[in-house]
Amino acid sequence: MAKIAIDKEKCKGCLLCVSFCSKALIKSNKALNKKGFACVEFIDNGECLGCKVCAVICPECCIEIYK
């Protein structure tokens, strides 16, 4: 299965990736990054398909997919 790496310092908490994840594996996180944004986190439960929709939709390009 695939894994997602999120650069939390680049994330601005727009939650587009959360909306577009078909497996609901990306969730909002309460922890703030250095810029004061509540970033997202990947829930690694082995169900990620590696479809890359989250990486494509991210306006800050802070998501990388590894298979």
N, C-alpha and C. Protein backbone atom coordinates (compact mmCIF):
# COMPACT_ATOMS: atom_id res chain seq x y z
N MET A 1 0.83 -1.19 0.00
CA MET A 1 0.00 0.00 0.00
C MET A 1 0.87 1.25 0.00
N ALA A 2 0.27 2.34 -0.33
CA ALA A 2 1.00 3.61 -0.44
C ALA A 2 1.07 4.33 0.90
N LYS A 3 2.00 5.26 0.97
CA LYS A 3 2.14 6.11 2.15
C LYS A 3 2.19 7.56 1.68
N ILE A 4 1.72 8.45 2.52
CA ILE A 4 1.70 9.87 2.21
C ILE A 4 2.63 10.60 3.16
N ALA A 5 3.45 11.49 2.61
CA ALA A 5 4.31 12.36 3.42
C ALA A 5 3.80 13.78 3.25
N ILE A 6 3.51 14.43 4.37
CA ILE A 6 2.99 15.80 4.35
C ILE A 6 4.02 16.73 4.99
N ASP A 7 4.44 17.74 4.24
CA ASP A 7 5.36 18.75 4.78
C ASP A 7 4.51 19.71 5.61
N LYS A 8 4.48 19.50 6.90
CA LYS A 8 3.61 20.27 7.79
C LYS A 8 3.95 21.76 7.83
N GLU A 9 5.17 22.11 7.53
CA GLU A 9 5.55 23.53 7.53
C GLU A 9 5.04 24.27 6.30
N LYS A 10 4.77 23.56 5.22
CA LYS A 10 4.22 24.18 4.01
C LYS A 10 2.69 24.21 4.03
N CYS A 11 2.08 23.31 4.80
CA CYS A 11 0.62 23.18 4.84
C CYS A 11 -0.02 24.43 5.43
N LYS A 12 -1.07 24.91 4.77
CA LYS A 12 -1.81 26.08 5.25
C LYS A 12 -3.20 25.71 5.76
N GLY A 13 -3.48 24.42 5.88
CA GLY A 13 -4.73 23.97 6.46
C GLY A 13 -5.97 24.25 5.63
N CYS A 14 -5.86 24.25 4.33
CA CYS A 14 -7.01 24.53 3.47
C CYS A 14 -8.02 23.37 3.45
N LEU A 15 -7.56 22.18 3.79
CA LEU A 15 -8.37 20.97 3.90
C LEU A 15 -8.90 20.44 2.56
N LEU A 16 -8.35 20.90 1.45
CA LEU A 16 -8.75 20.34 0.16
C LEU A 16 -8.41 18.86 0.07
N CYS A 17 -7.25 18.49 0.58
CA CYS A 17 -6.85 17.08 0.55
C CYS A 17 -7.80 16.22 1.37
N VAL A 18 -8.29 16.76 2.48
CA VAL A 18 -9.25 16.03 3.32
C VAL A 18 -10.54 15.79 2.53
N SER A 19 -10.99 16.79 1.82
CA SER A 19 -12.23 16.69 1.04
C SER A 19 -12.12 15.69 -0.11
N PHE A 20 -10.94 15.57 -0.70
CA PHE A 20 -10.79 14.74 -1.89
C PHE A 20 -10.26 13.34 -1.63
N CYS A 21 -9.89 13.02 -0.41
CA CYS A 21 -9.39 11.67 -0.10
C CYS A 21 -10.56 10.69 -0.08
N SER A 22 -10.57 9.75 -1.01
CA SER A 22 -11.68 8.81 -1.13
C SER A 22 -11.76 7.83 0.03
N LYS A 23 -10.67 7.62 0.72
CA LYS A 23 -10.63 6.70 1.86
C LYS A 23 -10.68 7.43 3.21
N ALA A 24 -10.77 8.74 3.20
CA ALA A 24 -10.80 9.56 4.42
C ALA A 24 -9.60 9.28 5.32
N LEU A 25 -8.41 9.25 4.72
CA LEU A 25 -7.19 8.95 5.45
C LEU A 25 -6.40 10.20 5.83
N ILE A 26 -6.89 11.36 5.45
CA ILE A 26 -6.24 12.61 5.81
C ILE A 26 -7.21 13.38 6.70
N LYS A 27 -6.73 13.78 7.85
CA LYS A 27 -7.57 14.45 8.85
C LYS A 27 -6.94 15.77 9.26
N SER A 28 -7.77 16.66 9.73
CA SER A 28 -7.28 17.92 10.27
C SER A 28 -6.60 17.64 11.61
N ASN A 29 -5.53 18.38 11.87
CA ASN A 29 -4.76 18.21 13.09
C ASN A 29 -4.83 19.51 13.88
N LYS A 30 -4.87 19.42 15.19
CA LYS A 30 -4.94 20.63 16.02
C LYS A 30 -3.58 21.28 16.23
N ALA A 31 -2.51 20.53 15.95
CA ALA A 31 -1.17 21.07 16.12
C ALA A 31 -0.91 22.16 15.07
N LEU A 32 -0.29 23.23 15.50
CA LEU A 32 0.01 24.34 14.60
C LEU A 32 1.45 24.24 14.10
N ASN A 33 1.66 24.65 12.85
CA ASN A 33 3.02 24.71 12.33
C ASN A 33 3.63 26.08 12.69
N LYS A 34 4.83 26.35 12.21
CA LYS A 34 5.53 27.60 12.56
C LYS A 34 4.81 28.85 12.07
N LYS A 35 4.00 28.70 11.02
CA LYS A 35 3.26 29.85 10.48
C LYS A 35 1.92 30.04 11.18
N GLY A 36 1.57 29.14 12.09
CA GLY A 36 0.33 29.26 12.84
C GLY A 36 -0.87 28.58 12.22
N PHE A 37 -0.65 27.75 11.20
CA PHE A 37 -1.74 27.04 10.54
C PHE A 37 -1.91 25.66 11.16
N ALA A 38 -3.15 25.23 11.29
CA ALA A 38 -3.44 23.87 11.74
C ALA A 38 -3.32 22.96 10.52
N CYS A 39 -2.28 22.16 10.49
CA CYS A 39 -2.00 21.33 9.32
C CYS A 39 -2.77 20.01 9.38
N VAL A 40 -2.64 19.22 8.35
CA VAL A 40 -3.32 17.94 8.27
C VAL A 40 -2.35 16.81 8.60
N GLU A 41 -2.92 15.63 8.85
CA GLU A 41 -2.10 14.45 9.11
C GLU A 41 -2.66 13.25 8.37
N PHE A 42 -1.79 12.33 8.04
CA PHE A 42 -2.14 11.11 7.33
C PHE A 42 -2.38 10.00 8.33
N ILE A 43 -3.51 9.32 8.21
CA ILE A 43 -3.83 8.18 9.05
C ILE A 43 -3.40 6.93 8.29
N ASP A 44 -2.28 6.33 8.69
CA ASP A 44 -1.74 5.18 7.98
C ASP A 44 -2.35 3.89 8.53
N ASN A 45 -3.42 3.45 7.88
CA ASN A 45 -4.04 2.19 8.29
C ASN A 45 -3.92 1.12 7.21
N GLY A 46 -3.09 1.38 6.20
CA GLY A 46 -2.86 0.41 5.14
C GLY A 46 -3.88 0.44 4.02
N GLU A 47 -4.79 1.39 4.02
CA GLU A 47 -5.83 1.44 3.00
C GLU A 47 -5.55 2.43 1.87
N CYS A 48 -4.50 3.22 1.96
CA CYS A 48 -4.20 4.22 0.93
C CYS A 48 -3.92 3.53 -0.40
N LEU A 49 -4.62 3.98 -1.43
CA LEU A 49 -4.47 3.40 -2.77
C LEU A 49 -3.35 4.04 -3.57
N GLY A 50 -2.86 5.19 -3.12
CA GLY A 50 -1.83 5.90 -3.87
C GLY A 50 -2.39 6.57 -5.11
N CYS A 51 -3.64 7.01 -5.06
CA CYS A 51 -4.29 7.62 -6.22
C CYS A 51 -3.72 8.99 -6.57
N LYS A 52 -3.06 9.63 -5.63
CA LYS A 52 -2.38 10.92 -5.81
C LYS A 52 -3.31 12.12 -5.95
N VAL A 53 -4.59 11.95 -5.73
CA VAL A 53 -5.52 13.06 -5.84
C VAL A 53 -5.18 14.14 -4.82
N CYS A 54 -4.83 13.73 -3.60
CA CYS A 54 -4.49 14.70 -2.56
C CYS A 54 -3.28 15.55 -2.95
N ALA A 55 -2.29 14.91 -3.55
CA ALA A 55 -1.08 15.63 -3.96
C ALA A 55 -1.36 16.59 -5.11
N VAL A 56 -2.21 16.19 -6.03
CA VAL A 56 -2.54 17.03 -7.18
C VAL A 56 -3.38 18.23 -6.76
N ILE A 57 -4.31 18.03 -5.82
CA ILE A 57 -5.22 19.10 -5.42
C ILE A 57 -4.58 20.09 -4.45
N CYS A 58 -3.48 19.73 -3.81
CA CYS A 58 -2.84 20.59 -2.81
C CYS A 58 -2.23 21.84 -3.46
N PRO A 59 -2.72 23.03 -3.11
CA PRO A 59 -2.19 24.25 -3.72
C PRO A 59 -0.78 24.60 -3.26
N GLU A 60 -0.33 24.05 -2.15
CA GLU A 60 1.00 24.33 -1.63
C GLU A 60 2.02 23.25 -1.99
N CYS A 61 1.60 22.21 -2.69
CA CYS A 61 2.47 21.10 -3.11
C CYS A 61 3.25 20.51 -1.92
N CYS A 62 2.54 20.26 -0.85
CA CYS A 62 3.23 19.75 0.35
C CYS A 62 2.96 18.27 0.62
N ILE A 63 2.36 17.57 -0.35
CA ILE A 63 2.07 16.15 -0.18
C ILE A 63 2.84 15.35 -1.21
N GLU A 64 3.51 14.29 -0.73
CA GLU A 64 4.23 13.35 -1.59
C GLU A 64 3.68 11.96 -1.33
N ILE A 65 3.56 11.17 -2.38
CA ILE A 65 3.04 9.81 -2.29
C ILE A 65 4.16 8.82 -2.54
N TYR A 66 4.26 7.81 -1.70
CA TYR A 66 5.26 6.75 -1.85
C TYR A 66 4.55 5.41 -1.92
N LYS A 67 4.90 4.62 -2.92
CA LYS A 67 4.31 3.28 -3.05
C LYS A 67 5.31 2.23 -2.66
